[in-house]
Each structure stands twice: as structure tokens, then as C-alpha cells.
Amino acid sequence: MEGEILSIRNSRKIYIPVYAMILILFFTIGAIKYQGKDINEFAVKSAVAFSIIGIIWTEMHRVRNKYQITDTAVIHLKGLLFKTIRKTDIHALSDAVLMQNPWQMILGIGDVSANAFSEVNVLKNINDPHYVIQFLEEKMVKKTAVATTGKGRGNR
């Protein structure tokens, strides 16, 4: 696990309600067409526009958040055009907390909070949060062991 970097993004599973609305919209339009009834052209164009905007919005929201856990820090990169980088040193972390609401438990996603003394870095809506928290805790334990023994700093 030495030197291993875990890079993660928000899960697509969190957008299931948006995708479900799009499917229901198209099934409704299809059912109306199947019954031989007319649909206003504006309504069809609006449904297509809503679908395209919904898919683009969800992907942009997902892509603009990236999380990395390295040997030295937990990093949250946010933004597309304007980047914000929030970096919390592994050595400064006091604990890691897994938070899941019922919806997240069903989907197998969750939020992992990396708590430092004065700040909190939350990795939101990530897949396999149990693995992520285990990975983070192993990095924290390893960093603490290096700090207390002095190994890795040129001391023997």
C-alpha cells in the first residue's frame, strides 16, 4: 500500500431519481403515442431538452468533484473552470467517520468524513465507502507509526 493513491469521484448511483424521471417521461410519451393520441410538439421538445439538461447536469456535478487519498494527504479537487483544492494532511487527521442515510445504504454509497482538529474534509456520495474508510485509516495508522518511530525521515 506504500505509495498507492486512491482516486474517486461521486457515484452515479446518487442520480438515479433524475434518470428515473427521464425514463418515466419517455415511457409516458411513448404510451400516449401508442394510444394514437397527439402530443404537442413543444411538449416533446421540452421533454428532450429536460432529458439532455438533466444528463449533462448530473455528469458535470459528478466530474467537478474528485477526491484523492495519498500517503500524505486527503485532497478534494472541486470545479471545472475554476479549481479549488482542499488538502488535509494525513498526519493532522484525528479520525475518519462513515455516514450513510437509508437511501445511501440501499445504493451502497456513503460519505466519508476525514476529521482534522480544526477542519473536516468530506468525501460525498462515493462508491464502496467501507473500503475507502479502511484505506484512509490504514494511511493514518501508517503515518502515525512513521511519526512516532522517526523512520522515514533519515533516522535509523
C-alpha atoms as a PDB file:
ATOM      1  CA  MET A   1       0.000   0.000   0.000  1.00  0.00           C
ATOM      2  CA  GLU A   2       3.091   2.186   0.056  1.00  0.00           C
ATOM      3  CA  GLY A   3       2.723   4.989  -2.461  1.00  0.00           C
ATOM      4  CA  GLU A   4      -0.748   3.851  -3.520  1.00  0.00           C
ATOM      5  CA  ILE A   5      -3.161   6.659  -4.400  1.00  0.00           C
ATOM      6  CA  LEU A   6      -6.920   6.204  -4.265  1.00  0.00           C
ATOM      7  CA  SER A   7      -8.756   8.492  -6.712  1.00  0.00           C
ATOM      8  CA  ILE A   8     -12.544   8.596  -6.504  1.00  0.00           C
ATOM      9  CA  ARG A   9     -15.483  10.640  -7.756  1.00  0.00           C
ATOM     10  CA  ASN A  10     -19.110  10.956  -6.710  1.00  0.00           C
ATOM     11  CA  SER A  11     -21.153   7.880  -7.553  1.00  0.00           C
ATOM     12  CA  ARG A  12     -23.590   7.928 -10.455  1.00  0.00           C
ATOM     13  CA  LYS A  13     -25.994   5.977  -8.255  1.00  0.00           C
ATOM     14  CA  ILE A  14     -26.991   9.157  -6.431  1.00  0.00           C
ATOM     15  CA  TYR A  15     -28.566  10.446  -9.660  1.00  0.00           C
ATOM     16  CA  ILE A  16     -30.968   7.502 -10.025  1.00  0.00           C
ATOM     17  CA  PRO A  17     -34.020   9.749  -9.302  1.00  0.00           C
ATOM     18  CA  VAL A  18     -33.079  12.060 -12.196  1.00  0.00           C
ATOM     19  CA  TYR A  19     -32.563   9.117 -14.560  1.00  0.00           C
ATOM     20  CA  ALA A  20     -35.859   7.584 -13.367  1.00  0.00           C
ATOM     21  CA  MET A  21     -37.716  10.845 -14.106  1.00  0.00           C
ATOM     22  CA  ILE A  22     -36.275  10.866 -17.623  1.00  0.00           C
ATOM     23  CA  LEU A  23     -37.334   7.252 -18.221  1.00  0.00           C
ATOM     24  CA  ILE A  24     -40.835   7.866 -16.855  1.00  0.00           C
ATOM     25  CA  LEU A  25     -41.159  10.929 -19.082  1.00  0.00           C
ATOM     26  CA  PHE A  26     -40.235   8.967 -22.215  1.00  0.00           C
ATOM     27  CA  PHE A  27     -42.418   5.988 -21.248  1.00  0.00           C
ATOM     28  CA  THR A  28     -45.343   8.376 -20.775  1.00  0.00           C
ATOM     29  CA  ILE A  29     -44.759   9.973 -24.168  1.00  0.00           C
ATOM     30  CA  GLY A  30     -44.451   6.513 -25.731  1.00  0.00           C
ATOM     31  CA  ALA A  31     -47.689   5.327 -24.087  1.00  0.00           C
ATOM     32  CA  ILE A  32     -49.558   8.400 -25.315  1.00  0.00           C
ATOM     33  CA  LYS A  33     -48.211   7.889 -28.849  1.00  0.00           C
ATOM     34  CA  TYR A  34     -49.055   4.156 -28.676  1.00  0.00           C
ATOM     35  CA  GLN A  35     -52.676   5.026 -27.854  1.00  0.00           C
ATOM     36  CA  GLY A  36     -52.793   7.085 -31.032  1.00  0.00           C
ATOM     37  CA  LYS A  37     -53.227  10.414 -29.309  1.00  0.00           C
ATOM     38  CA  ASP A  38     -51.462  13.567 -30.437  1.00  0.00           C
ATOM     39  CA  ILE A  39     -48.783  15.198 -28.342  1.00  0.00           C
ATOM     40  CA  ASN A  40     -47.947  18.853 -28.626  1.00  0.00           C
ATOM     41  CA  GLU A  41     -44.604  19.263 -30.419  1.00  0.00           C
ATOM     42  CA  PHE A  42     -43.497  21.746 -27.764  1.00  0.00           C
ATOM     43  CA  ALA A  43     -44.108  19.116 -25.046  1.00  0.00           C
ATOM     44  CA  VAL A  44     -41.932  16.568 -26.871  1.00  0.00           C
ATOM     45  CA  LYS A  45     -39.160  19.111 -27.431  1.00  0.00           C
ATOM     46  CA  SER A  46     -39.382  20.164 -23.777  1.00  0.00           C
ATOM     47  CA  ALA A  47     -39.065  16.523 -22.663  1.00  0.00           C
ATOM     48  CA  VAL A  48     -35.991  16.030 -24.846  1.00  0.00           C
ATOM     49  CA  ALA A  49     -34.455  19.286 -23.601  1.00  0.00           C
ATOM     50  CA  PHE A  50     -35.143  18.325 -19.963  1.00  0.00           C
ATOM     51  CA  SER A  51     -33.516  14.939 -20.538  1.00  0.00           C
ATOM     52  CA  ILE A  52     -30.401  16.372 -22.154  1.00  0.00           C
ATOM     53  CA  ILE A  53     -30.029  19.067 -19.497  1.00  0.00           C
ATOM     54  CA  GLY A  54     -30.608  16.510 -16.715  1.00  0.00           C
ATOM     55  CA  ILE A  55     -27.924  14.150 -18.012  1.00  0.00           C
ATOM     56  CA  ILE A  56     -25.404  16.951 -18.641  1.00  0.00           C
ATOM     57  CA  TRP A  57     -26.084  18.497 -15.217  1.00  0.00           C
ATOM     58  CA  THR A  58     -25.589  15.213 -13.374  1.00  0.00           C
ATOM     59  CA  GLU A  59     -22.356  14.439 -15.213  1.00  0.00           C
ATOM     60  CA  MET A  60     -20.964  17.941 -14.674  1.00  0.00           C
ATOM     61  CA  HIS A  61     -21.823  17.729 -10.978  1.00  0.00           C
ATOM     62  CA  ARG A  62     -20.088  14.356 -10.741  1.00  0.00           C
ATOM     63  CA  VAL A  63     -16.996  15.334 -12.743  1.00  0.00           C
ATOM     64  CA  ARG A  64     -16.373  18.587 -10.888  1.00  0.00           C
ATOM     65  CA  ASN A  65     -15.675  16.724  -7.621  1.00  0.00           C
ATOM     66  CA  LYS A  66     -12.655  14.464  -7.345  1.00  0.00           C
ATOM     67  CA  TYR A  67     -11.129  13.036  -4.199  1.00  0.00           C
ATOM     68  CA  GLN A  68      -7.655  11.583  -3.709  1.00  0.00           C
ATOM     69  CA  ILE A  69      -6.146   9.816  -0.731  1.00  0.00           C
ATOM     70  CA  THR A  70      -2.354   9.681  -0.870  1.00  0.00           C
ATOM     71  CA  ASP A  71       0.331   8.715   1.641  1.00  0.00           C
ATOM     72  CA  THR A  72       0.487  12.310   2.826  1.00  0.00           C
ATOM     73  CA  ALA A  73      -2.940  13.928   2.369  1.00  0.00           C
ATOM     74  CA  VAL A  74      -6.654  13.750   1.653  1.00  0.00           C
ATOM     75  CA  ILE A  75      -7.296  16.026  -1.317  1.00  0.00           C
ATOM     76  CA  HIS A  76     -10.627  17.381  -2.616  1.00  0.00           C
ATOM     77  CA  LEU A  77     -10.394  18.919  -6.086  1.00  0.00           C
ATOM     78  CA  LYS A  78     -13.524  20.888  -6.935  1.00  0.00           C
ATOM     79  CA  GLY A  79     -14.517  22.752 -10.073  1.00  0.00           C
ATOM     80  CA  LEU A  80     -14.280  22.601 -13.842  1.00  0.00           C
ATOM     81  CA  LEU A  81     -13.105  26.012 -14.981  1.00  0.00           C
ATOM     82  CA  PHE A  82     -12.137  27.418 -11.596  1.00  0.00           C
ATOM     83  CA  LYS A  83     -10.399  24.861  -9.390  1.00  0.00           C
ATOM     84  CA  THR A  84     -10.464  24.760  -5.620  1.00  0.00           C
ATOM     85  CA  ILE A  85      -8.118  22.312  -3.930  1.00  0.00           C
ATOM     86  CA  ARG A  86      -8.690  21.412  -0.296  1.00  0.00           C
ATOM     87  CA  LYS A  87      -5.847  19.430   1.181  1.00  0.00           C
ATOM     88  CA  THR A  88      -5.786  17.897   4.654  1.00  0.00           C
ATOM     89  CA  ASP A  89      -2.555  16.322   5.860  1.00  0.00           C
ATOM     90  CA  ILE A  90      -2.902  12.675   6.895  1.00  0.00           C
ATOM     91  CA  HIS A  91      -0.791  13.431   9.990  1.00  0.00           C
ATOM     92  CA  ALA A  92      -3.328  16.061  11.119  1.00  0.00           C
ATOM     93  CA  LEU A  93      -6.320  13.700  10.886  1.00  0.00           C
ATOM     94  CA  SER A  94      -7.783  12.626  14.202  1.00  0.00           C
ATOM     95  CA  ASP A  95     -10.404  10.201  12.889  1.00  0.00           C
ATOM     96  CA  ALA A  96     -12.466   9.097   9.917  1.00  0.00           C
ATOM     97  CA  VAL A  97     -16.235   8.704  10.036  1.00  0.00           C
ATOM     98  CA  LEU A  98     -18.576   6.877   7.664  1.00  0.00           C
ATOM     99  CA  MET A  99     -22.015   8.460   7.291  1.00  0.00           C
ATOM    100  CA  GLN A 100     -24.874   6.792   5.404  1.00  0.00           C
ATOM    101  CA  ASN A 101     -28.564   7.599   5.250  1.00  0.00           C
ATOM    102  CA  PRO A 102     -31.033   4.810   4.350  1.00  0.00           C
ATOM    103  CA  TRP A 103     -31.014   5.738   0.641  1.00  0.00           C
ATOM    104  CA  GLN A 104     -27.210   5.588   0.556  1.00  0.00           C
ATOM    105  CA  MET A 105     -27.213   2.205   2.346  1.00  0.00           C
ATOM    106  CA  ILE A 106     -29.572   0.762  -0.272  1.00  0.00           C
ATOM    107  CA  LEU A 107     -27.359   2.057  -3.096  1.00  0.00           C
ATOM    108  CA  GLY A 108     -24.063   1.034  -1.462  1.00  0.00           C
ATOM    109  CA  ILE A 109     -22.681   4.558  -1.330  1.00  0.00           C
ATOM    110  CA  GLY A 110     -21.880   6.944   1.506  1.00  0.00           C
ATOM    111  CA  ASP A 111     -19.980   9.949   2.840  1.00  0.00           C
ATOM    112  CA  VAL A 112     -16.569   9.580   4.460  1.00  0.00           C
ATOM    113  CA  SER A 113     -15.535  12.405   6.756  1.00  0.00           C
ATOM    114  CA  ALA A 114     -11.805  12.905   7.328  1.00  0.00           C
ATOM    115  CA  ASN A 115     -11.689  14.937  10.528  1.00  0.00           C
ATOM    116  CA  ALA A 116      -8.717  17.057  11.476  1.00  0.00           C
ATOM    117  CA  PHE A 117      -8.561  19.139  14.609  1.00  0.00           C
ATOM    118  CA  SER A 118      -9.888  22.315  13.026  1.00  0.00           C
ATOM    119  CA  GLU A 119     -11.389  21.181   9.717  1.00  0.00           C
ATOM    120  CA  VAL A 120     -13.438  18.450   8.120  1.00  0.00           C
ATOM    121  CA  ASN A 121     -12.901  17.107   4.610  1.00  0.00           C
ATOM    122  CA  VAL A 122     -15.997  15.163   3.476  1.00  0.00           C
ATOM    123  CA  LEU A 123     -15.877  12.750   0.549  1.00  0.00           C
ATOM    124  CA  LYS A 124     -19.535  12.806  -0.512  1.00  0.00           C
ATOM    125  CA  ASN A 125     -21.587  10.089  -2.192  1.00  0.00           C
ATOM    126  CA  ILE A 126     -18.746   7.718  -3.014  1.00  0.00           C
ATOM    127  CA  ASN A 127     -18.962   4.063  -4.020  1.00  0.00           C
ATOM    128  CA  ASP A 128     -17.783   1.427  -1.552  1.00  0.00           C
ATOM    129  CA  PRO A 129     -17.328   3.777   1.412  1.00  0.00           C
ATOM    130  CA  HIS A 130     -16.282   0.881   3.681  1.00  0.00           C
ATOM    131  CA  TYR A 131     -13.219   0.242   1.513  1.00  0.00           C
ATOM    132  CA  VAL A 132     -12.425   3.968   1.370  1.00  0.00           C
ATOM    133  CA  ILE A 133     -12.575   4.395   5.153  1.00  0.00           C
ATOM    134  CA  GLN A 134     -10.411   1.274   5.619  1.00  0.00           C
ATOM    135  CA  PHE A 135      -7.885   2.644   3.089  1.00  0.00           C
ATOM    136  CA  LEU A 136      -7.855   6.022   4.849  1.00  0.00           C
ATOM    137  CA  GLU A 137      -7.441   4.502   8.308  1.00  0.00           C
ATOM    138  CA  GLU A 138      -4.523   2.356   7.104  1.00  0.00           C
ATOM    139  CA  LYS A 139      -2.838   5.506   5.773  1.00  0.00           C
ATOM    140  CA  MET A 140      -3.482   7.284   9.094  1.00  0.00           C
ATOM    141  CA  VAL A 141      -2.060   4.393  11.149  1.00  0.00           C
ATOM    142  CA  LYS A 142       0.984   4.119   8.902  1.00  0.00           C
ATOM    143  CA  LYS A 143       1.638   7.855   9.088  1.00  0.00           C
ATOM    144  CA  THR A 144       1.308   7.789  12.889  1.00  0.00           C
ATOM    145  CA  ALA A 145       3.740   4.860  13.115  1.00  0.00           C
ATOM    146  CA  VAL A 146       6.305   6.706  10.985  1.00  0.00           C
ATOM    147  CA  ALA A 147       5.900   9.861  13.093  1.00  0.00           C
ATOM    148  CA  THR A 148       6.359   8.060  16.409  1.00  0.00           C
ATOM    149  CA  THR A 149       9.294   5.844  15.372  1.00  0.00           C
ATOM    150  CA  GLY A 150      11.046   8.509  13.335  1.00  0.00           C
ATOM    151  CA  LYS A 151      11.646   6.084  10.465  1.00  0.00           C
ATOM    152  CA  GLY A 152      11.270   7.505   7.033  1.00  0.00           C
ATOM    153  CA  ARG A 153      12.905  10.804   7.952  1.00  0.00           C
ATOM    154  CA  GLY A 154      16.503   9.713   7.633  1.00  0.00           C
ATOM    155  CA  ASN A 155      16.638   8.407  11.232  1.00  0.00           C
ATOM    156  CA  ARG A 156      17.598   4.792  11.917  1.00  0.00           C
END
